[in-house]
Amino acid sequence: MMRREKMPSGTAEKTTPKGQREHRPLRIDWPLMGTVLLTLLLSGCGYSFSGMSKSAYPSTQSVFVDTFTNRTSEANLDIIIRAAFSNEIVQNGHFKLVSSRGEADAIFRGTILSLQVAPLAYKAGSLSAEDRITVTLELFFEERVNGRTLWTNGSFIGTGDYRVTAVGATEANRKNSLIKLAGDAAEKAYRLMMSDF
């Protein structure tokens, strides 16, 4: 009667001509395994951000970020938002940011339609402990020469939160929140624009 031995994991059996089994370690082809894994990761489930490719706007090489129209009572909000959108274009490097309309293939412009502040959290005495700023923007990305709209969003919303503390600190918190809100809004709008949503 042939005796079967318990095999350690990671080994395979081999029957010898005499009917006895020989144990040898399994061999894994790591380069092949890595190639298969990489192929699976890169192919994913068929999802891709095709708009982020260099061909999103093939005829557009340079962009001018125009002054935003500010329909709110918040002083300098147009400057903060314009700076955030200019910075986003520079950081992504897809387009060259230019300093005048005449140099640009396309113009990015917008209107700040509204700014609202609402309490987000309360402290004792029904006083606000944290507020939320909501800014609504109308955004346009247009060809300079013929004015053709490449992308638009008529009600783009950005939000930012800040803590309500002492008077001076609250104002500083609010300003920092507006700067962060503008940066986040510019990043989100840029992604939407480049993926044509």
N, C-alpha and C. Protein backbone atom coordinates (compact mmCIF):
# COMPACT_ATOMS: atom_id res chain seq x y z
N MET A 1 0.84 -1.18 0.00
CA MET A 1 0.00 0.00 0.00
C MET A 1 0.88 1.24 0.00
N MET A 2 0.51 2.22 -0.85
CA MET A 2 1.30 3.45 -0.96
C MET A 2 0.95 4.40 0.17
N ARG A 3 1.98 4.98 0.77
CA ARG A 3 1.79 5.89 1.90
C ARG A 3 1.78 7.33 1.39
N ARG A 4 0.74 8.08 1.81
CA ARG A 4 0.65 9.50 1.44
C ARG A 4 1.15 10.33 2.59
N GLU A 5 2.06 11.22 2.29
CA GLU A 5 2.57 12.11 3.34
C GLU A 5 1.87 13.45 3.22
N LYS A 6 1.70 14.05 4.38
CA LYS A 6 1.12 15.39 4.40
C LYS A 6 2.13 16.36 3.80
N MET A 7 1.65 17.15 2.82
CA MET A 7 2.55 18.07 2.12
C MET A 7 2.48 19.44 2.74
N PRO A 8 3.62 20.11 2.89
CA PRO A 8 3.59 21.49 3.35
C PRO A 8 2.94 22.36 2.28
N SER A 9 2.32 23.46 2.71
CA SER A 9 1.68 24.35 1.73
C SER A 9 2.73 24.93 0.81
N GLY A 10 2.32 25.20 -0.42
CA GLY A 10 3.25 25.76 -1.40
C GLY A 10 4.07 24.71 -2.11
N THR A 11 3.70 23.43 -1.98
CA THR A 11 4.43 22.38 -2.69
C THR A 11 3.47 21.60 -3.56
N ALA A 12 4.02 20.93 -4.55
CA ALA A 12 3.21 20.11 -5.45
C ALA A 12 3.70 18.68 -5.41
N GLU A 13 2.80 17.75 -5.69
CA GLU A 13 3.18 16.34 -5.71
C GLU A 13 3.63 15.94 -7.10
N LYS A 14 4.54 15.00 -7.14
CA LYS A 14 4.97 14.43 -8.41
C LYS A 14 5.10 12.93 -8.20
N THR A 15 4.50 12.17 -9.08
CA THR A 15 4.58 10.72 -8.95
C THR A 15 5.82 10.25 -9.68
N THR A 16 6.64 9.46 -9.00
CA THR A 16 7.85 8.91 -9.61
C THR A 16 7.49 7.60 -10.28
N PRO A 17 8.36 7.09 -11.16
CA PRO A 17 8.07 5.82 -11.84
C PRO A 17 7.80 4.66 -10.89
N LYS A 18 8.35 4.69 -9.70
CA LYS A 18 8.15 3.60 -8.75
C LYS A 18 6.84 3.73 -8.00
N GLY A 19 6.05 4.74 -8.30
CA GLY A 19 4.77 4.92 -7.62
C GLY A 19 4.85 5.76 -6.36
N GLN A 20 6.03 6.25 -6.03
CA GLN A 20 6.16 7.10 -4.86
C GLN A 20 6.02 8.56 -5.28
N ARG A 21 5.55 9.34 -4.37
CA ARG A 21 5.37 10.77 -4.68
C ARG A 21 6.55 11.57 -4.17
N GLU A 22 6.93 12.54 -5.00
CA GLU A 22 8.04 13.41 -4.64
C GLU A 22 7.48 14.83 -4.46
N HIS A 23 7.94 15.53 -3.45
CA HIS A 23 7.47 16.90 -3.18
C HIS A 23 8.49 17.90 -3.71
N ARG A 24 7.95 18.93 -4.37
CA ARG A 24 8.82 20.02 -4.81
C ARG A 24 8.07 21.33 -4.66
N PRO A 25 8.76 22.45 -4.38
CA PRO A 25 8.09 23.74 -4.19
C PRO A 25 7.44 24.22 -5.49
N LEU A 26 6.27 24.90 -5.33
CA LEU A 26 5.61 25.53 -6.48
C LEU A 26 6.44 26.73 -6.91
N ARG A 27 6.56 26.94 -8.19
CA ARG A 27 7.31 28.09 -8.68
C ARG A 27 6.33 29.12 -9.23
N ILE A 28 6.46 30.34 -8.76
CA ILE A 28 5.61 31.43 -9.22
C ILE A 28 6.45 32.32 -10.13
N ASP A 29 5.92 32.59 -11.29
CA ASP A 29 6.59 33.46 -12.24
C ASP A 29 6.23 34.91 -11.88
N TRP A 30 7.03 35.53 -11.01
CA TRP A 30 6.73 36.87 -10.50
C TRP A 30 6.66 37.93 -11.59
N PRO A 31 7.56 37.94 -12.57
CA PRO A 31 7.42 38.95 -13.63
C PRO A 31 6.09 38.82 -14.39
N LEU A 32 5.69 37.58 -14.67
CA LEU A 32 4.41 37.37 -15.35
C LEU A 32 3.25 37.81 -14.47
N MET A 33 3.32 37.46 -13.19
CA MET A 33 2.27 37.85 -12.24
C MET A 33 2.17 39.38 -12.15
N GLY A 34 3.31 40.05 -12.12
CA GLY A 34 3.33 41.51 -12.07
C GLY A 34 2.74 42.14 -13.32
N THR A 35 3.05 41.56 -14.47
CA THR A 35 2.51 42.07 -15.73
C THR A 35 1.00 41.92 -15.78
N VAL A 36 0.50 40.76 -15.35
CA VAL A 36 -0.94 40.52 -15.33
C VAL A 36 -1.62 41.51 -14.38
N LEU A 37 -1.05 41.68 -13.20
CA LEU A 37 -1.63 42.61 -12.22
C LEU A 37 -1.64 44.04 -12.74
N LEU A 38 -0.54 44.46 -13.33
CA LEU A 38 -0.46 45.81 -13.87
C LEU A 38 -1.48 46.02 -14.99
N THR A 39 -1.64 45.03 -15.84
CA THR A 39 -2.62 45.12 -16.92
C THR A 39 -4.03 45.27 -16.36
N LEU A 40 -4.34 44.48 -15.33
CA LEU A 40 -5.66 44.57 -14.71
C LEU A 40 -5.89 45.93 -14.06
N LEU A 41 -4.88 46.43 -13.38
CA LEU A 41 -5.01 47.74 -12.73
C LEU A 41 -5.21 48.86 -13.74
N LEU A 42 -4.44 48.82 -14.81
CA LEU A 42 -4.53 49.89 -15.80
C LEU A 42 -5.82 49.83 -16.60
N SER A 43 -6.31 48.63 -16.84
CA SER A 43 -7.55 48.53 -17.61
C SER A 43 -8.75 48.86 -16.75
N GLY A 44 -8.66 48.60 -15.44
CA GLY A 44 -9.74 48.91 -14.52
C GLY A 44 -11.05 48.34 -14.98
N CYS A 45 -12.09 49.08 -14.80
CA CYS A 45 -13.42 48.63 -15.20
C CYS A 45 -13.89 49.39 -16.43
N GLY A 46 -12.98 49.94 -17.16
CA GLY A 46 -13.37 50.68 -18.35
C GLY A 46 -13.59 52.16 -18.09
N TYR A 47 -13.36 52.61 -16.85
CA TYR A 47 -13.55 54.02 -16.53
C TYR A 47 -12.27 54.78 -16.80
N SER A 48 -12.42 55.96 -17.33
CA SER A 48 -11.25 56.81 -17.51
C SER A 48 -11.71 58.25 -17.60
N PHE A 49 -10.78 59.15 -17.31
CA PHE A 49 -11.06 60.58 -17.43
C PHE A 49 -10.48 61.03 -18.76
N SER A 50 -11.18 60.71 -19.83
CA SER A 50 -10.66 61.04 -21.15
C SER A 50 -10.52 62.55 -21.34
N GLY A 51 -11.33 63.32 -20.65
CA GLY A 51 -11.26 64.77 -20.77
C GLY A 51 -9.98 65.35 -20.22
N MET A 52 -9.26 64.58 -19.38
CA MET A 52 -8.04 65.09 -18.78
C MET A 52 -6.85 64.92 -19.72
N SER A 53 -7.06 64.31 -20.88
CA SER A 53 -5.96 64.13 -21.80
C SER A 53 -5.62 65.46 -22.46
N LYS A 54 -4.49 65.47 -23.16
CA LYS A 54 -4.04 66.70 -23.82
C LYS A 54 -4.99 67.11 -24.95
N SER A 55 -5.90 66.24 -25.36
CA SER A 55 -6.78 66.56 -26.48
C SER A 55 -8.13 67.12 -26.05
N ALA A 56 -8.29 67.48 -24.78
CA ALA A 56 -9.57 67.99 -24.30
C ALA A 56 -10.02 69.20 -25.10
N TYR A 57 -9.12 70.12 -25.33
CA TYR A 57 -9.40 71.31 -26.16
C TYR A 57 -8.18 71.48 -27.07
N PRO A 58 -8.11 70.71 -28.15
CA PRO A 58 -6.88 70.69 -28.95
C PRO A 58 -6.47 72.03 -29.56
N SER A 59 -7.42 72.91 -29.84
CA SER A 59 -7.05 74.19 -30.45
C SER A 59 -6.73 75.26 -29.40
N THR A 60 -6.83 74.90 -28.13
CA THR A 60 -6.59 75.87 -27.06
C THR A 60 -5.26 75.58 -26.37
N GLN A 61 -4.33 76.50 -26.52
CA GLN A 61 -3.02 76.37 -25.89
C GLN A 61 -2.84 77.35 -24.73
N SER A 62 -3.43 78.54 -24.88
CA SER A 62 -3.24 79.59 -23.87
C SER A 62 -4.59 80.12 -23.39
N VAL A 63 -4.63 80.47 -22.10
CA VAL A 63 -5.88 80.92 -21.47
C VAL A 63 -5.63 82.20 -20.68
N PHE A 64 -6.58 83.10 -20.78
CA PHE A 64 -6.59 84.31 -19.96
C PHE A 64 -7.76 84.20 -18.99
N VAL A 65 -7.49 84.38 -17.69
CA VAL A 65 -8.56 84.38 -16.69
C VAL A 65 -8.97 85.84 -16.49
N ASP A 66 -10.18 86.13 -16.93
CA ASP A 66 -10.69 87.50 -16.89
C ASP A 66 -11.15 87.85 -15.47
N THR A 67 -11.31 89.14 -15.21
CA THR A 67 -11.82 89.60 -13.92
C THR A 67 -13.24 89.09 -13.73
N PHE A 68 -13.53 88.56 -12.56
CA PHE A 68 -14.87 88.07 -12.25
C PHE A 68 -15.77 89.25 -11.88
N THR A 69 -17.01 89.20 -12.34
CA THR A 69 -18.00 90.20 -11.94
C THR A 69 -18.52 89.80 -10.56
N ASN A 70 -18.48 90.74 -9.62
CA ASN A 70 -18.89 90.44 -8.24
C ASN A 70 -20.24 91.10 -7.94
N ARG A 71 -21.28 90.28 -7.85
CA ARG A 71 -22.61 90.81 -7.54
C ARG A 71 -22.95 90.68 -6.06
N THR A 72 -21.94 90.46 -5.24
CA THR A 72 -22.16 90.36 -3.79
C THR A 72 -21.61 91.61 -3.12
N SER A 73 -21.85 91.71 -1.83
CA SER A 73 -21.30 92.84 -1.08
C SER A 73 -19.94 92.51 -0.46
N GLU A 74 -19.42 91.31 -0.74
CA GLU A 74 -18.13 90.88 -0.18
C GLU A 74 -17.00 91.53 -0.96
N ALA A 75 -16.29 92.45 -0.31
CA ALA A 75 -15.18 93.15 -0.97
C ALA A 75 -14.06 92.17 -1.31
N ASN A 76 -13.49 92.35 -2.48
CA ASN A 76 -12.33 91.59 -2.95
C ASN A 76 -12.59 90.10 -3.23
N LEU A 77 -13.82 89.66 -3.17
CA LEU A 77 -14.12 88.25 -3.46
C LEU A 77 -13.76 87.92 -4.90
N ASP A 78 -13.99 88.86 -5.81
CA ASP A 78 -13.64 88.64 -7.22
C ASP A 78 -12.14 88.42 -7.40
N ILE A 79 -11.33 89.13 -6.62
CA ILE A 79 -9.87 89.00 -6.70
C ILE A 79 -9.44 87.63 -6.17
N ILE A 80 -10.03 87.21 -5.05
CA ILE A 80 -9.70 85.91 -4.45
C ILE A 80 -10.04 84.78 -5.41
N ILE A 81 -11.22 84.84 -6.02
CA ILE A 81 -11.66 83.76 -6.90
C ILE A 81 -10.86 83.75 -8.20
N ARG A 82 -10.60 84.92 -8.76
CA ARG A 82 -9.79 84.98 -9.99
C ARG A 82 -8.40 84.41 -9.74
N ALA A 83 -7.80 84.76 -8.61
CA ALA A 83 -6.47 84.24 -8.27
C ALA A 83 -6.49 82.72 -8.14
N ALA A 84 -7.54 82.17 -7.55
CA ALA A 84 -7.65 80.72 -7.38
C ALA A 84 -7.75 80.02 -8.74
N PHE A 85 -8.55 80.56 -9.65
CA PHE A 85 -8.69 79.95 -10.98
C PHE A 85 -7.40 80.08 -11.79
N SER A 86 -6.72 81.21 -11.67
CA SER A 86 -5.43 81.39 -12.35
C SER A 86 -4.42 80.38 -11.83
N ASN A 87 -4.38 80.22 -10.52
CA ASN A 87 -3.46 79.28 -9.89
C ASN A 87 -3.75 77.85 -10.34
N GLU A 88 -5.01 77.49 -10.45
CA GLU A 88 -5.38 76.13 -10.87
C GLU A 88 -4.90 75.85 -12.29
N ILE A 89 -5.01 76.82 -13.17
CA ILE A 89 -4.55 76.65 -14.55
C ILE A 89 -3.03 76.49 -14.59
N VAL A 90 -2.32 77.27 -13.80
CA VAL A 90 -0.85 77.17 -13.74
C VAL A 90 -0.44 75.81 -13.18
N GLN A 91 -1.07 75.39 -12.09
CA GLN A 91 -0.70 74.13 -11.44
C GLN A 91 -0.91 72.92 -12.34
N ASN A 92 -1.98 72.91 -13.11
CA ASN A 92 -2.27 71.76 -13.95
C ASN A 92 -1.41 71.70 -15.20
N GLY A 93 -0.95 72.82 -15.67
CA GLY A 93 -0.02 72.84 -16.80
C GLY A 93 -0.59 72.43 -18.15
N HIS A 94 -1.88 72.21 -18.23
CA HIS A 94 -2.48 71.84 -19.52
C HIS A 94 -2.49 73.04 -20.47
N PHE A 95 -2.77 74.21 -19.92
CA PHE A 95 -2.79 75.44 -20.71
C PHE A 95 -1.71 76.39 -20.19
N LYS A 96 -1.29 77.29 -21.06
CA LYS A 96 -0.39 78.35 -20.64
C LYS A 96 -1.26 79.53 -20.20
N LEU A 97 -1.03 80.02 -18.99
CA LEU A 97 -1.76 81.19 -18.50
C LEU A 97 -1.08 82.44 -19.06
N VAL A 98 -1.86 83.30 -19.71
CA VAL A 98 -1.30 84.52 -20.28
C VAL A 98 -1.88 85.74 -19.56
N SER A 99 -1.19 86.87 -19.69
CA SER A 99 -1.57 88.05 -18.91
C SER A 99 -2.49 89.03 -19.64
N SER A 100 -2.82 88.74 -20.90
CA SER A 100 -3.75 89.64 -21.61
C SER A 100 -4.68 88.84 -22.51
N ARG A 101 -5.84 89.41 -22.77
CA ARG A 101 -6.84 88.76 -23.64
C ARG A 101 -6.27 88.50 -25.03
N GLY A 102 -5.52 89.46 -25.56
CA GLY A 102 -4.99 89.35 -26.92
C GLY A 102 -4.06 88.17 -27.14
N GLU A 103 -3.39 87.71 -26.10
CA GLU A 103 -2.46 86.58 -26.22
C GLU A 103 -3.17 85.23 -26.13
N ALA A 104 -4.42 85.21 -25.69
CA ALA A 104 -5.10 83.97 -25.34
C ALA A 104 -5.86 83.34 -26.49
N ASP A 105 -5.87 82.00 -26.50
CA ASP A 105 -6.74 81.25 -27.41
C ASP A 105 -8.15 81.19 -26.82
N ALA A 106 -8.22 81.15 -25.48
CA ALA A 106 -9.52 81.05 -24.81
C ALA A 106 -9.55 81.95 -23.58
N ILE A 107 -10.76 82.33 -23.19
CA ILE A 107 -10.97 83.19 -22.02
C ILE A 107 -11.78 82.40 -20.99
N PHE A 108 -11.31 82.44 -19.75
CA PHE A 108 -12.10 81.88 -18.65
C PHE A 108 -12.63 83.07 -17.86
N ARG A 109 -13.96 83.13 -17.70
CA ARG A 109 -14.54 84.27 -16.99
C ARG A 109 -15.71 83.78 -16.14
N GLY A 110 -16.16 84.65 -15.26
CA GLY A 110 -17.28 84.25 -14.42
C GLY A 110 -17.92 85.41 -13.70
N THR A 111 -19.06 85.10 -13.10
CA THR A 111 -19.80 86.06 -12.29
C THR A 111 -20.07 85.42 -10.94
N ILE A 112 -19.81 86.17 -9.87
CA ILE A 112 -20.15 85.71 -8.52
C ILE A 112 -21.59 86.15 -8.29
N LEU A 113 -22.50 85.20 -8.36
CA LEU A 113 -23.93 85.53 -8.28
C LEU A 113 -24.39 85.81 -6.86
N SER A 114 -23.91 85.02 -5.91
CA SER A 114 -24.37 85.22 -4.53
C SER A 114 -23.37 84.66 -3.53
N LEU A 115 -23.47 85.18 -2.31
CA LEU A 115 -22.70 84.67 -1.17
C LEU A 115 -23.67 84.65 0.00
N GLN A 116 -23.82 83.48 0.60
CA GLN A 116 -24.71 83.33 1.75
C GLN A 116 -23.94 82.73 2.91
N VAL A 117 -24.26 83.19 4.11
CA VAL A 117 -23.66 82.65 5.33
C VAL A 117 -24.78 82.12 6.20
N ALA A 118 -24.62 80.87 6.66
CA ALA A 118 -25.63 80.25 7.53
C ALA A 118 -24.93 79.52 8.66
N PRO A 119 -25.55 79.51 9.85
CA PRO A 119 -24.96 78.77 10.97
C PRO A 119 -24.90 77.28 10.67
N LEU A 120 -23.80 76.67 11.05
CA LEU A 120 -23.61 75.24 10.84
C LEU A 120 -23.69 74.48 12.16
N ALA A 121 -23.19 75.12 13.23
CA ALA A 121 -23.23 74.52 14.57
C ALA A 121 -23.46 75.63 15.58
N TYR A 122 -24.08 75.25 16.68
CA TYR A 122 -24.41 76.23 17.72
C TYR A 122 -23.68 75.91 19.01
N LYS A 123 -23.47 76.96 19.82
CA LYS A 123 -22.95 76.78 21.17
C LYS A 123 -24.01 77.28 22.14
N ALA A 124 -23.72 77.27 23.41
CA ALA A 124 -24.69 77.67 24.44
C ALA A 124 -25.24 79.06 24.15
N GLY A 125 -26.51 79.25 24.43
CA GLY A 125 -27.14 80.55 24.23
C GLY A 125 -27.60 80.76 22.79
N SER A 126 -27.70 79.69 22.03
CA SER A 126 -28.13 79.73 20.62
C SER A 126 -27.24 80.60 19.75
N LEU A 127 -25.98 80.72 20.14
CA LEU A 127 -25.02 81.48 19.33
C LEU A 127 -24.32 80.53 18.36
N SER A 128 -23.98 81.05 17.22
CA SER A 128 -23.31 80.24 16.21
C SER A 128 -21.87 79.91 16.64
N ALA A 129 -21.50 78.63 16.53
CA ALA A 129 -20.14 78.20 16.83
C ALA A 129 -19.34 78.02 15.54
N GLU A 130 -20.07 77.72 14.46
CA GLU A 130 -19.44 77.51 13.16
C GLU A 130 -20.42 77.93 12.08
N ASP A 131 -19.91 78.63 11.07
CA ASP A 131 -20.75 79.10 9.97
C ASP A 131 -20.30 78.46 8.66
N ARG A 132 -21.23 78.39 7.72
CA ARG A 132 -20.91 77.89 6.37
C ARG A 132 -21.18 79.00 5.36
N ILE A 133 -20.17 79.23 4.51
CA ILE A 133 -20.31 80.19 3.41
C ILE A 133 -20.64 79.39 2.15
N THR A 134 -21.64 79.85 1.43
CA THR A 134 -21.99 79.23 0.14
C THR A 134 -21.92 80.31 -0.94
N VAL A 135 -21.10 80.05 -1.93
CA VAL A 135 -20.92 80.98 -3.04
C VAL A 135 -21.44 80.32 -4.31
N THR A 136 -22.25 81.05 -5.06
CA THR A 136 -22.75 80.55 -6.35
C THR A 136 -22.10 81.34 -7.47
N LEU A 137 -21.54 80.61 -8.43
CA LEU A 137 -20.81 81.21 -9.54
C LEU A 137 -21.44 80.83 -10.88
N GLU A 138 -21.28 81.71 -11.83
CA GLU A 138 -21.62 81.41 -13.22
C GLU A 138 -20.29 81.43 -13.96
N LEU A 139 -19.91 80.31 -14.60
CA LEU A 139 -18.59 80.17 -15.20
C LEU A 139 -18.68 79.94 -16.70
N PHE A 140 -17.73 80.52 -17.43
CA PHE A 140 -17.67 80.38 -18.89
C PHE A 140 -16.23 80.14 -19.33
N PHE A 141 -16.06 79.22 -20.26
CA PHE A 141 -14.78 79.00 -20.92
C PHE A 141 -15.06 79.13 -22.41
N GLU A 142 -14.50 80.18 -23.04
CA GLU A 142 -14.88 80.53 -24.41
C GLU A 142 -13.66 80.76 -25.29
N GLU A 143 -13.82 80.46 -26.58
CA GLU A 143 -12.78 80.81 -27.55
C GLU A 143 -12.73 82.33 -27.67
N ARG A 144 -11.54 82.88 -27.70
CA ARG A 144 -11.41 84.34 -27.74
C ARG A 144 -11.85 84.92 -29.08
N VAL A 145 -11.42 84.32 -30.17
CA VAL A 145 -11.64 84.91 -31.49
C VAL A 145 -13.12 84.96 -31.87
N ASN A 146 -13.82 83.83 -31.72
CA ASN A 146 -15.22 83.80 -32.18
C ASN A 146 -16.25 83.79 -31.05
N GLY A 147 -15.79 83.74 -29.79
CA GLY A 147 -16.70 83.77 -28.66
C GLY A 147 -17.48 82.49 -28.43
N ARG A 148 -17.12 81.43 -29.17
CA ARG A 148 -17.82 80.15 -29.02
C ARG A 148 -17.60 79.59 -27.62
N THR A 149 -18.68 79.16 -26.98
CA THR A 149 -18.58 78.60 -25.63
C THR A 149 -18.05 77.18 -25.70
N LEU A 150 -16.94 76.93 -25.00
CA LEU A 150 -16.36 75.59 -24.93
C LEU A 150 -16.94 74.81 -23.76
N TRP A 151 -17.21 75.53 -22.67
CA TRP A 151 -17.77 74.91 -21.46
C TRP A 151 -18.43 76.01 -20.64
N THR A 152 -19.52 75.66 -19.97
CA THR A 152 -20.18 76.63 -19.09
C THR A 152 -20.88 75.90 -17.95
N ASN A 153 -21.02 76.59 -16.84
CA ASN A 153 -21.79 76.09 -15.70
C ASN A 153 -22.48 77.31 -15.10
N GLY A 154 -23.80 77.33 -15.20
CA GLY A 154 -24.57 78.50 -14.79
C GLY A 154 -24.86 78.61 -13.31
N SER A 155 -24.63 77.54 -12.56
CA SER A 155 -24.91 77.59 -11.11
C SER A 155 -23.93 76.71 -10.35
N PHE A 156 -22.67 77.06 -10.47
CA PHE A 156 -21.61 76.32 -9.78
C PHE A 156 -21.57 76.77 -8.32
N ILE A 157 -21.58 75.81 -7.40
CA ILE A 157 -21.64 76.14 -5.97
C ILE A 157 -20.37 75.68 -5.26
N GLY A 158 -19.83 76.59 -4.45
CA GLY A 158 -18.69 76.27 -3.60
C GLY A 158 -19.05 76.59 -2.16
N THR A 159 -18.55 75.76 -1.23
CA THR A 159 -18.84 76.00 0.19
C THR A 159 -17.56 75.98 1.01
N GLY A 160 -17.62 76.68 2.13
CA GLY A 160 -16.51 76.71 3.08
C GLY A 160 -17.03 76.97 4.48
N ASP A 161 -16.41 76.33 5.45
CA ASP A 161 -16.83 76.46 6.85
C ASP A 161 -15.75 77.18 7.65
N TYR A 162 -16.19 77.89 8.68
CA TYR A 162 -15.22 78.54 9.58
C TYR A 162 -15.80 78.65 10.98
N ARG A 163 -14.89 78.65 11.96
CA ARG A 163 -15.29 78.74 13.37
C ARG A 163 -15.58 80.19 13.75
N VAL A 164 -16.61 80.35 14.55
CA VAL A 164 -16.98 81.68 15.06
C VAL A 164 -16.43 81.78 16.47
N THR A 165 -15.45 82.67 16.65
CA THR A 165 -14.82 82.84 17.96
C THR A 165 -14.86 84.32 18.32
N ALA A 166 -13.75 84.86 18.78
CA ALA A 166 -13.68 86.30 19.08
C ALA A 166 -13.76 87.08 17.77
N VAL A 167 -14.18 88.32 17.85
CA VAL A 167 -14.46 89.13 16.66
C VAL A 167 -13.30 89.14 15.65
N GLY A 168 -12.11 89.49 16.07
CA GLY A 168 -10.96 89.55 15.15
C GLY A 168 -10.61 88.19 14.58
N ALA A 169 -10.63 87.16 15.42
CA ALA A 169 -10.30 85.81 14.98
C ALA A 169 -11.35 85.28 14.01
N THR A 170 -12.60 85.59 14.25
CA THR A 170 -13.68 85.13 13.36
C THR A 170 -13.49 85.70 11.97
N GLU A 171 -13.14 86.97 11.87
CA GLU A 171 -12.94 87.59 10.55
C GLU A 171 -11.77 86.95 9.82
N ALA A 172 -10.70 86.64 10.56
CA ALA A 172 -9.55 85.96 9.94
C ALA A 172 -9.95 84.55 9.49
N ASN A 173 -10.72 83.85 10.33
CA ASN A 173 -11.21 82.51 9.96
C ASN A 173 -12.07 82.58 8.70
N ARG A 174 -12.91 83.60 8.64
CA ARG A 174 -13.81 83.77 7.50
C ARG A 174 -13.02 84.01 6.21
N LYS A 175 -12.00 84.87 6.29
CA LYS A 175 -11.18 85.16 5.12
C LYS A 175 -10.44 83.91 4.66
N ASN A 176 -9.87 83.17 5.60
CA ASN A 176 -9.17 81.92 5.26
C ASN A 176 -10.13 80.91 4.63
N SER A 177 -11.36 80.88 5.14
CA SER A 177 -12.37 79.98 4.58
C SER A 177 -12.71 80.37 3.14
N LEU A 178 -12.81 81.67 2.87
CA LEU A 178 -13.08 82.12 1.50
C LEU A 178 -11.95 81.75 0.54
N ILE A 179 -10.72 81.87 1.02
CA ILE A 179 -9.56 81.51 0.19
C ILE A 179 -9.57 80.01 -0.12
N LYS A 180 -9.85 79.20 0.91
CA LYS A 180 -9.93 77.74 0.71
C LYS A 180 -11.10 77.39 -0.19
N LEU A 181 -12.24 78.02 0.03
CA LEU A 181 -13.42 77.80 -0.81
C LEU A 181 -13.09 78.09 -2.28
N ALA A 182 -12.42 79.20 -2.53
CA ALA A 182 -12.06 79.58 -3.91
C ALA A 182 -11.13 78.54 -4.53
N GLY A 183 -10.14 78.08 -3.77
CA GLY A 183 -9.22 77.06 -4.28
C GLY A 183 -9.91 75.75 -4.59
N ASP A 184 -10.78 75.31 -3.67
CA ASP A 184 -11.53 74.07 -3.89
C ASP A 184 -12.47 74.19 -5.08
N ALA A 185 -13.13 75.34 -5.19
CA ALA A 185 -14.06 75.57 -6.31
C ALA A 185 -13.32 75.57 -7.64
N ALA A 186 -12.16 76.21 -7.68
CA ALA A 186 -11.37 76.25 -8.91
C ALA A 186 -10.93 74.85 -9.32
N GLU A 187 -10.49 74.06 -8.35
CA GLU A 187 -10.05 72.69 -8.64
C GLU A 187 -11.21 71.85 -9.19
N LYS A 188 -12.35 71.93 -8.53
CA LYS A 188 -13.53 71.16 -8.95
C LYS A 188 -14.02 71.61 -10.33
N ALA A 189 -14.11 72.92 -10.54
CA ALA A 189 -14.57 73.44 -11.83
C ALA A 189 -13.61 73.05 -12.95
N TYR A 190 -12.32 73.09 -12.67
CA TYR A 190 -11.32 72.72 -13.68
C TYR A 190 -11.49 71.26 -14.08
N ARG A 191 -11.68 70.38 -13.09
CA ARG A 191 -11.89 68.95 -13.38
C ARG A 191 -13.14 68.76 -14.24
N LEU A 192 -14.23 69.44 -13.87
CA LEU A 192 -15.47 69.33 -14.65
C LEU A 192 -15.28 69.85 -16.07
N MET A 193 -14.59 70.97 -16.19
CA MET A 193 -14.36 71.57 -17.50
C MET A 193 -13.53 70.63 -18.38
N MET A 194 -12.49 70.04 -17.81
CA MET A 194 -11.60 69.18 -18.59
C MET A 194 -12.24 67.84 -18.93
N SER A 195 -13.24 67.42 -18.16
CA SER A 195 -13.95 66.18 -18.49
C SER A 195 -15.26 66.48 -19.19
N ASP A 196 -15.50 67.75 -19.52
CA ASP A 196 -16.65 68.21 -20.29
C ASP A 196 -17.99 67.89 -19.63
N PHE A 197 -18.05 68.09 -18.29
CA PHE A 197 -19.31 67.90 -17.55
C PHE A 197 -19.89 69.25 -17.22
